[in-house]
Amino acid sequence: MQRVVDGVPAARPAAPIRAASRPQSMNESGLAYNEGVHLSIELDREDDGRWIAEALELPGVMTYGETREEAISSTERLAIEVIADRIKHDELPPSALNVSFMVAV
């Protein structure tokens, strides 16, 4: 898999961008939150041209898309579903559904 940043192959992985906010606490699953959840999305481009987007703070939340936007949108949707499920099972507080995404560029 070749890492691509803004259409140019990257020599090394891009560092995830985090939203600046108040100090965050960690829950039992390791997901950081304060009044909401801030997630970083990292993008890669496969050799066959497909895009892959991953929410770094939620292991396993990774999707493919034919376009960059499709991969990002699918990953955001899946992340929200995972967070909602964790809220349902009392693993996160209801305020965690206030989700913000930062895409690493």
C-alpha atoms as a PDB file:
ATOM      1  CA  MET A   1       0.000   0.000   0.000  1.00  0.00           C
ATOM      2  CA  GLN A   2       1.414   3.382  -0.972  1.00  0.00           C
ATOM      3  CA  ARG A   3       0.750   6.370   1.282  1.00  0.00           C
ATOM      4  CA  VAL A   4      -0.452   9.419  -0.680  1.00  0.00           C
ATOM      5  CA  VAL A   5      -0.877  12.930   0.678  1.00  0.00           C
ATOM      6  CA  ASP A   6      -2.651  15.443  -1.576  1.00  0.00           C
ATOM      7  CA  GLY A   7      -2.003  13.233  -4.594  1.00  0.00           C
ATOM      8  CA  VAL A   8       1.751  12.949  -3.959  1.00  0.00           C
ATOM      9  CA  PRO A   9       3.406   9.783  -2.603  1.00  0.00           C
ATOM     10  CA  ALA A  10       4.601  10.464   0.942  1.00  0.00           C
ATOM     11  CA  ALA A  11       8.010   9.335   2.143  1.00  0.00           C
ATOM     12  CA  ARG A  12       6.780   8.796   5.694  1.00  0.00           C
ATOM     13  CA  PRO A  13       3.389   8.577   7.403  1.00  0.00           C
ATOM     14  CA  ALA A  14       1.605  11.850   8.057  1.00  0.00           C
ATOM     15  CA  ALA A  15       1.090  12.623  11.749  1.00  0.00           C
ATOM     16  CA  PRO A  16      -2.563  12.580  12.803  1.00  0.00           C
ATOM     17  CA  ILE A  17      -4.096  15.980  13.448  1.00  0.00           C
ATOM     18  CA  ARG A  18      -5.964  16.388  16.729  1.00  0.00           C
ATOM     19  CA  ALA A  19      -8.476  19.051  17.544  1.00  0.00           C
ATOM     20  CA  ALA A  20      -7.290  21.497  20.171  1.00  0.00           C
ATOM     21  CA  SER A  21      -9.599  21.434  23.148  1.00  0.00           C
ATOM     22  CA  ARG A  22      -9.770  21.172  26.911  1.00  0.00           C
ATOM     23  CA  PRO A  23      -7.736  18.405  28.551  1.00  0.00           C
ATOM     24  CA  GLN A  24      -9.230  15.050  27.729  1.00  0.00           C
ATOM     25  CA  SER A  25      -9.861  12.038  29.935  1.00  0.00           C
ATOM     26  CA  MET A  26      -9.740   8.435  28.828  1.00  0.00           C
ATOM     27  CA  ASN A  27     -12.460   5.844  29.239  1.00  0.00           C
ATOM     28  CA  GLU A  28     -11.872   2.106  29.749  1.00  0.00           C
ATOM     29  CA  SER A  29     -11.599   1.455  25.994  1.00  0.00           C
ATOM     30  CA  GLY A  30      -8.862   4.096  25.608  1.00  0.00           C
ATOM     31  CA  LEU A  31     -11.064   6.519  23.648  1.00  0.00           C
ATOM     32  CA  ALA A  32     -10.414  10.129  24.634  1.00  0.00           C
ATOM     33  CA  TYR A  33     -13.384  12.376  25.329  1.00  0.00           C
ATOM     34  CA  ASN A  34     -14.401  15.461  27.252  1.00  0.00           C
ATOM     35  CA  GLU A  35     -17.724  16.877  26.088  1.00  0.00           C
ATOM     36  CA  GLY A  36     -17.473  14.855  22.917  1.00  0.00           C
ATOM     37  CA  VAL A  37     -15.150  12.650  20.902  1.00  0.00           C
ATOM     38  CA  HIS A  38     -12.427  13.969  18.592  1.00  0.00           C
ATOM     39  CA  LEU A  39     -11.293  11.499  15.943  1.00  0.00           C
ATOM     40  CA  SER A  40      -8.440  11.672  13.448  1.00  0.00           C
ATOM     41  CA  ILE A  41      -8.974  10.159  10.013  1.00  0.00           C
ATOM     42  CA  GLU A  42      -5.903   9.019   8.122  1.00  0.00           C
ATOM     43  CA  LEU A  43      -6.029   8.380   4.383  1.00  0.00           C
ATOM     44  CA  ASP A  44      -4.036   6.037   2.177  1.00  0.00           C
ATOM     45  CA  ARG A  45      -4.365   5.183  -1.478  1.00  0.00           C
ATOM     46  CA  GLU A  46      -4.030   1.587  -2.621  1.00  0.00           C
ATOM     47  CA  ASP A  47      -2.003   0.635  -5.705  1.00  0.00           C
ATOM     48  CA  ASP A  48      -5.275  -0.085  -7.533  1.00  0.00           C
ATOM     49  CA  GLY A  49      -6.481   3.503  -6.955  1.00  0.00           C
ATOM     50  CA  ARG A  50      -8.979   2.861  -4.130  1.00  0.00           C
ATOM     51  CA  TRP A  51      -8.846   5.107  -1.080  1.00  0.00           C
ATOM     52  CA  ILE A  52      -8.797   3.753   2.458  1.00  0.00           C
ATOM     53  CA  ALA A  53      -9.722   5.892   5.473  1.00  0.00           C
ATOM     54  CA  GLU A  54      -9.162   4.909   9.098  1.00  0.00           C
ATOM     55  CA  ALA A  55     -10.367   6.484  12.357  1.00  0.00           C
ATOM     56  CA  LEU A  56      -7.144   6.139  14.333  1.00  0.00           C
ATOM     57  CA  GLU A  57      -8.699   6.235  17.799  1.00  0.00           C
ATOM     58  CA  LEU A  58     -11.215   3.451  17.026  1.00  0.00           C
ATOM     59  CA  PRO A  59      -9.402   0.217  16.129  1.00  0.00           C
ATOM     60  CA  GLY A  60     -11.058  -1.537  13.212  1.00  0.00           C
ATOM     61  CA  VAL A  61     -12.928   1.534  11.938  1.00  0.00           C
ATOM     62  CA  MET A  62     -11.548   1.539   8.407  1.00  0.00           C
ATOM     63  CA  THR A  63     -13.340   1.701   5.053  1.00  0.00           C
ATOM     64  CA  TYR A  64     -12.540   1.794   1.346  1.00  0.00           C
ATOM     65  CA  GLY A  65     -13.950   4.144  -1.258  1.00  0.00           C
ATOM     66  CA  GLU A  66     -13.587   4.766  -4.960  1.00  0.00           C
ATOM     67  CA  THR A  67     -12.951   8.426  -4.104  1.00  0.00           C
ATOM     68  CA  ARG A  68     -11.284  10.158  -1.180  1.00  0.00           C
ATOM     69  CA  GLU A  69     -14.613  11.698  -0.134  1.00  0.00           C
ATOM     70  CA  GLU A  70     -16.421   8.344  -0.253  1.00  0.00           C
ATOM     71  CA  ALA A  71     -13.802   6.720   1.993  1.00  0.00           C
ATOM     72  CA  ILE A  72     -13.952   9.599   4.497  1.00  0.00           C
ATOM     73  CA  SER A  73     -17.762   9.624   4.564  1.00  0.00           C
ATOM     74  CA  SER A  74     -17.990   5.865   5.078  1.00  0.00           C
ATOM     75  CA  THR A  75     -15.440   5.974   7.900  1.00  0.00           C
ATOM     76  CA  GLU A  76     -17.264   8.824   9.641  1.00  0.00           C
ATOM     77  CA  ARG A  77     -20.542   6.890   9.389  1.00  0.00           C
ATOM     78  CA  LEU A  78     -18.980   3.692  10.780  1.00  0.00           C
ATOM     79  CA  ALA A  79     -17.281   5.603  13.626  1.00  0.00           C
ATOM     80  CA  ILE A  80     -20.606   7.133  14.666  1.00  0.00           C
ATOM     81  CA  GLU A  81     -22.244   3.687  14.633  1.00  0.00           C
ATOM     82  CA  VAL A  82     -19.444   2.259  16.827  1.00  0.00           C
ATOM     83  CA  ILE A  83     -19.685   5.167  19.287  1.00  0.00           C
ATOM     84  CA  ALA A  84     -23.497   4.854  19.441  1.00  0.00           C
ATOM     85  CA  ASP A  85     -23.127   1.137  20.199  1.00  0.00           C
ATOM     86  CA  ARG A  86     -20.646   1.894  22.998  1.00  0.00           C
ATOM     87  CA  ILE A  87     -23.055   4.458  24.454  1.00  0.00           C
ATOM     88  CA  LYS A  88     -25.865   1.894  24.273  1.00  0.00           C
ATOM     89  CA  HIS A  89     -23.738  -0.557  26.284  1.00  0.00           C
ATOM     90  CA  ASP A  90     -22.690   2.115  28.827  1.00  0.00           C
ATOM     91  CA  GLU A  91     -19.059   2.071  27.665  1.00  0.00           C
ATOM     92  CA  LEU A  92     -19.181   5.799  26.860  1.00  0.00           C
ATOM     93  CA  PRO A  93     -21.287   8.674  28.212  1.00  0.00           C
ATOM     94  CA  PRO A  94     -24.085  10.044  26.005  1.00  0.00           C
ATOM     95  CA  SER A  95     -22.040  13.213  25.432  1.00  0.00           C
ATOM     96  CA  ALA A  96     -19.616  11.102  23.365  1.00  0.00           C
ATOM     97  CA  LEU A  97     -22.063  11.238  20.465  1.00  0.00           C
ATOM     98  CA  ASN A  98     -20.875  14.811  19.939  1.00  0.00           C
ATOM     99  CA  VAL A  99     -18.222  13.730  17.414  1.00  0.00           C
ATOM    100  CA  SER A 100     -15.736  15.838  15.486  1.00  0.00           C
ATOM    101  CA  PHE A 101     -13.452  14.563  12.745  1.00  0.00           C
ATOM    102  CA  MET A 102     -10.084  15.862  11.608  1.00  0.00           C
ATOM    103  CA  VAL A 103      -8.675  14.497   8.348  1.00  0.00           C
ATOM    104  CA  ALA A 104      -4.895  14.204   8.261  1.00  0.00           C
ATOM    105  CA  VAL A 105      -3.630  15.872   5.100  1.00  0.00           C
END
